[in-house]
């Protein structure tokens, strides 16, 4: 089952931003919701976003920002989203990628004995 986003307290967001740097919009969303955004290195640093929404679900606000900037997303965990350019090459890179966050013990060293 694919992870679903969960905000810090499951609240809706209000954003009133005009010509704001897109990366800053994700910083604001992160502070307001507790969601961690990982931006692909090819997300344009000069992208601008204008958004005026009131009491909308977080995922809807994220999708509006993505659509304005030709970006796509992949939910990695309930509080972690990867943002990348919505182009064929990046879609291929991330489409099938499955990220598993786990800690596994180091296997014991092998001991070889000569018979």
Foldseek 3Di string as FASTA:
>chain_A
DAAAAAFPPQWFDFDADFFAFLVVVVVVLCVVTVAAEAEDPPQDRNDTDGDGDDRHGSVVVVVNSCVSRQWDWGDQHRRYIYIYHNDPVVCVVPVPDHDDDDDDDDDDDDDDDDD
